[in-house]
Protein backbone atom coordinates (compact mmCIF):
# COMPACT_ATOMS: atom_id res chain seq x y z
CA MET A 1 15.98 -21.44 -8.86
CA SER A 2 13.20 -20.00 -11.03
CA ILE A 3 9.56 -20.57 -10.16
CA SER A 4 7.90 -22.32 -13.10
CA ASN A 5 4.44 -21.58 -14.42
CA ASP A 6 3.02 -25.10 -14.36
CA GLY A 7 -0.51 -24.10 -13.40
CA THR A 8 -0.23 -25.00 -9.72
CA VAL A 9 -0.67 -22.46 -6.94
CA VAL A 10 2.68 -21.57 -5.39
CA ILE A 11 2.60 -21.52 -1.58
CA ILE A 12 4.58 -18.77 0.11
CA LYS A 13 5.17 -18.85 3.87
CA LYS A 14 5.49 -15.55 5.74
CA TYR A 15 7.45 -15.70 8.98
CA ALA A 16 7.30 -13.44 12.03
CA ASN A 17 10.51 -11.71 10.92
CA ARG A 18 8.65 -10.74 7.69
CA ARG A 19 10.74 -13.04 5.53
CA LEU A 20 8.95 -14.83 2.71
CA TYR A 21 9.74 -18.48 1.97
CA CYS A 22 8.78 -20.14 -1.32
CA THR A 23 7.93 -23.80 -0.75
CA SER A 24 8.31 -24.62 -4.46
CA THR A 25 11.97 -23.63 -4.65
CA SER A 26 12.86 -23.91 -0.94
CA THR A 27 14.30 -20.39 -1.02
CA TYR A 28 13.59 -17.04 0.58
CA ILE A 29 12.15 -14.47 -1.80
CA THR A 30 11.27 -10.77 -1.81
CA LEU A 31 8.20 -8.71 -2.58
CA GLU A 32 9.77 -7.92 -5.95
CA THR A 33 9.82 -11.66 -6.70
CA LEU A 34 6.11 -11.83 -5.95
CA ALA A 35 5.48 -8.81 -8.18
CA ASP A 36 7.30 -10.66 -10.97
CA LEU A 37 5.10 -13.73 -10.41
CA VAL A 38 2.03 -11.54 -10.81
CA ARG A 39 3.35 -10.14 -14.10
CA ARG A 40 4.05 -13.68 -15.32
CA GLY A 41 0.56 -14.81 -14.42
CA ILE A 42 1.70 -17.31 -11.79
CA GLU A 43 -0.86 -17.88 -9.03
CA PHE A 44 0.43 -17.87 -5.46
CA GLU A 45 -0.94 -17.82 -1.94
CA VAL A 46 0.86 -16.27 1.00
CA GLN A 47 0.24 -18.03 4.30
CA ASP A 48 1.25 -17.22 7.85
CA ALA A 49 3.98 -19.75 8.62
CA LYS A 50 2.60 -20.38 12.11
CA THR A 51 -1.19 -20.21 11.76
CA GLY A 52 -1.71 -20.90 8.07
CA GLU A 53 -3.83 -17.74 7.74
CA ASP A 54 -4.19 -16.47 4.17
CA LEU A 55 -2.19 -13.24 3.91
CA THR A 56 -2.30 -12.88 0.12
CA ARG A 57 -4.48 -9.76 0.07
CA GLN A 58 -2.26 -8.08 2.69
CA ILE A 59 0.93 -8.86 0.76
CA LEU A 60 -0.47 -7.73 -2.59
CA THR A 61 -1.55 -4.47 -0.99
CA GLN A 62 1.95 -4.08 0.46
CA ILE A 63 3.46 -4.51 -3.02
CA ILE A 64 1.23 -1.72 -4.35
CA PHE A 65 2.09 0.48 -1.36
CA GLU A 66 5.84 0.09 -1.96
CA ARG A 67 5.46 0.81 -5.68
CA GLU A 68 3.52 3.97 -4.94
CA ASN A 69 6.16 5.07 -2.42
CA LYS A 70 8.89 4.63 -5.05
CA GLY A 71 7.20 7.16 -7.28
CA GLU A 72 5.76 4.57 -9.67
CA GLY A 73 2.29 5.90 -8.99
CA ALA A 74 -0.45 4.19 -10.99
CA LEU A 75 -3.32 5.18 -8.71
CA PRO A 76 -4.64 8.75 -9.06
CA VAL A 77 -5.25 10.63 -5.83
CA ASP A 78 -8.93 11.10 -6.66
CA PHE A 79 -9.29 7.35 -7.19
CA LEU A 80 -7.70 6.64 -3.81
CA ARG A 81 -10.04 9.11 -2.12
CA GLN A 82 -13.08 7.53 -3.78
CA LEU A 83 -11.84 4.08 -2.85
CA ILE A 84 -11.48 5.04 0.81
CA SER A 85 -14.93 6.63 0.82
CA CYS A 86 -16.45 3.32 -0.32
CA TYR A 87 -15.37 1.52 2.86
CA GLY A 88 -18.21 1.20 5.31
CA GLY A 89 -20.79 2.44 2.84
CA GLY A 90 -23.46 0.71 0.82
CA SER A 91 -21.30 0.64 -2.32
CA GLN A 92 -18.52 -1.39 -0.63
CA SER A 93 -20.33 -4.65 -1.38
CA MET A 94 -20.33 -4.07 -5.12
CA LEU A 95 -16.88 -2.46 -5.40
CA PRO A 96 -14.92 -5.75 -5.71
CA THR A 97 -17.15 -6.90 -8.58
CA TRP A 98 -16.80 -3.57 -10.36
CA LEU A 99 -13.01 -3.46 -9.96
CA ASP A 100 -12.59 -7.11 -10.99
CA MET A 101 -14.61 -6.69 -14.18
CA SER A 102 -12.89 -3.39 -14.97
CA MET A 103 -9.38 -4.83 -14.60
CA ASN A 104 -10.27 -7.87 -16.72
CA SER A 105 -11.54 -5.48 -19.36
CA PHE A 106 -8.34 -3.41 -19.12
CA ALA A 107 -6.21 -6.55 -19.52
CA GLU A 108 -8.09 -7.35 -22.73
CA TRP A 109 -7.60 -3.76 -23.85
CA GLN A 110 -3.84 -4.08 -23.35
CA LYS A 111 -3.76 -7.11 -25.65
CA ASN A 112 -5.41 -5.08 -28.41
CA TRP A 113 -3.19 -2.03 -27.94
CA SER A 114 -0.36 -3.07 -30.29
CA GLN A 115 -2.71 -3.96 -33.12
CA ALA A 116 -4.76 -0.78 -32.77
CA SER A 117 -1.68 1.46 -32.68
CA GLU A 118 -0.72 0.30 -36.19
CA GLU A 119 -4.01 1.39 -37.77
CA PRO A 120 -5.15 4.95 -38.62
CA ALA A 121 -7.31 6.27 -35.79
CA GLY A 122 -6.99 2.82 -34.21
CA LEU A 123 -6.20 4.11 -30.74
CA GLU A 124 -9.12 6.54 -30.78
CA VAL A 125 -11.50 3.72 -31.69
CA LEU A 126 -9.97 1.56 -28.97
CA PHE A 127 -10.40 4.30 -26.36
CA ALA A 128 -14.03 4.77 -27.36
CA LYS A 129 -14.63 1.03 -27.13
CA GLN A 130 -13.00 0.90 -23.68
CA ILE A 131 -15.12 3.76 -22.35
CA ARG A 132 -18.24 2.04 -23.68
CA THR A 133 -17.18 -1.21 -22.03
CA ASN A 134 -16.51 0.55 -18.72
CA ALA A 135 -19.94 2.15 -18.84
CA GLU A 136 -21.56 -1.23 -19.51
CA ILE A 137 -19.64 -2.85 -16.66
CA PHE A 138 -20.59 -0.03 -14.33
CA GLU A 139 -24.26 -0.31 -15.29
CA ARG A 140 -24.28 -4.10 -14.83
CA THR A 141 -22.70 -3.73 -11.41
CA MET A 142 -25.31 -1.18 -10.37
CA LYS A 143 -28.07 -3.55 -11.50
CA MET A 144 -26.54 -6.40 -9.50
CA PHE A 145 -26.28 -4.13 -6.47
CA ALA A 146 -29.90 -2.98 -6.85
CA SER A 147 -31.16 -6.56 -7.14
CA GLY A 148 -29.29 -7.64 -4.00
CA GLY A 149 -26.40 -9.35 -5.84
CA ARG A 150 -28.64 -12.04 -7.35
CA GLY A 151 -27.57 -11.24 -10.90
CA ASP A 152 -31.21 -10.40 -11.75
CA THR A 153 -30.61 -7.55 -14.19
CA ALA A 154 -34.30 -7.12 -14.98
CA ALA A 155 -35.06 -6.58 -11.31
CA GLY A 156 -31.97 -4.40 -11.10
CA ASP A 157 -33.23 -2.22 -13.97
CA ALA A 158 -36.50 -1.63 -12.17
CA ALA A 159 -34.77 -0.97 -8.86
CA VAL A 160 -32.26 1.47 -10.33
CA ASN A 161 -34.92 3.39 -12.26
CA ALA A 162 -37.21 3.49 -9.24
CA ARG A 163 -34.57 4.85 -6.90
CA PRO A 164 -35.14 8.51 -6.00
CA THR A 165 -32.42 11.12 -6.14
CA SER A 166 -30.35 12.00 -3.09
CA SER A 167 -32.79 14.79 -2.26
CA GLU A 168 -35.68 12.31 -2.13
CA PRO A 169 -34.57 9.42 0.09
CA SER A 170 -36.72 6.30 0.09
CA ARG A 171 -38.91 5.66 3.06
CA GLY A 172 -37.38 2.28 3.79
CA GLY A 173 -33.67 3.06 3.55
CA PRO A 174 -31.13 5.59 4.82
CA ALA A 175 -30.49 8.71 2.79
CA ALA A 176 -26.78 7.88 2.69
CA ASP A 177 -27.39 4.81 0.51
CA GLU A 178 -29.49 6.89 -1.89
CA ASP A 179 -26.69 9.46 -2.10
CA GLU A 180 -24.20 6.76 -3.04
CA VAL A 181 -26.43 5.37 -5.80
CA ALA A 182 -27.02 8.90 -7.12
CA SER A 183 -23.25 9.45 -7.15
CA LEU A 184 -22.74 6.22 -9.09
CA LYS A 185 -25.32 7.36 -11.64
CA VAL A 186 -23.41 10.62 -12.11
CA GLN A 187 -20.19 8.69 -12.75
CA LEU A 188 -21.97 6.54 -15.33
CA GLU A 189 -23.27 9.65 -17.08
CA ARG A 190 -19.74 11.08 -17.19
CA MET A 191 -18.50 7.90 -18.86
CA GLN A 192 -21.25 8.23 -21.44
CA ASP A 193 -20.29 11.87 -22.07
CA GLN A 194 -16.68 10.80 -22.68
CA LEU A 195 -17.86 8.17 -25.15
CA ASN A 196 -20.05 10.67 -27.00
CA ALA A 197 -17.18 13.16 -27.22
CA LEU A 198 -14.95 10.55 -28.85
CA THR A 199 -17.51 9.15 -31.27
CA ASN A 200 -18.59 12.64 -32.42
CA ARG A 201 -15.11 13.78 -33.39
């Protein structure tokens, strides 16, 4: 029985034997079924069958892990290293916002791919636009992080510009946090360089 996309959140129960049970169809399903639901845009929540604990994040991560193990690698090694380095650091708090905005932007980019590929130089323009968008997202996230997550971009501008480089740590904060912000600035500058290289061709 197929799981319909009627807008409701599908509840999946995970049992101690690792089996997954779909309450909508009263059938056992696999991780591949869940991956298909993601591709179809069907929302679901995976719960521990005994405690009701939300296991959705764990299961989604498991799906990615299995895909990577099958050789369908979509995550560059450098990205994985950078991702791991964010855990436990000052940038961890803003990473989810940055990734969420970036993936939403990428999804929009995918929609425009077919149309752009039919036009002369369409893909090059699309790439340039995507790099510009990524840089803007990155900058907004940095501003939110600098303003304490309040969404105050004006305060974030002042905070980001006032931050010293990694060699000049602020008196009130650890040098490690300053290093992370400096590293983020370098990444933003690299994005801008990529954009300039495309637009100057």
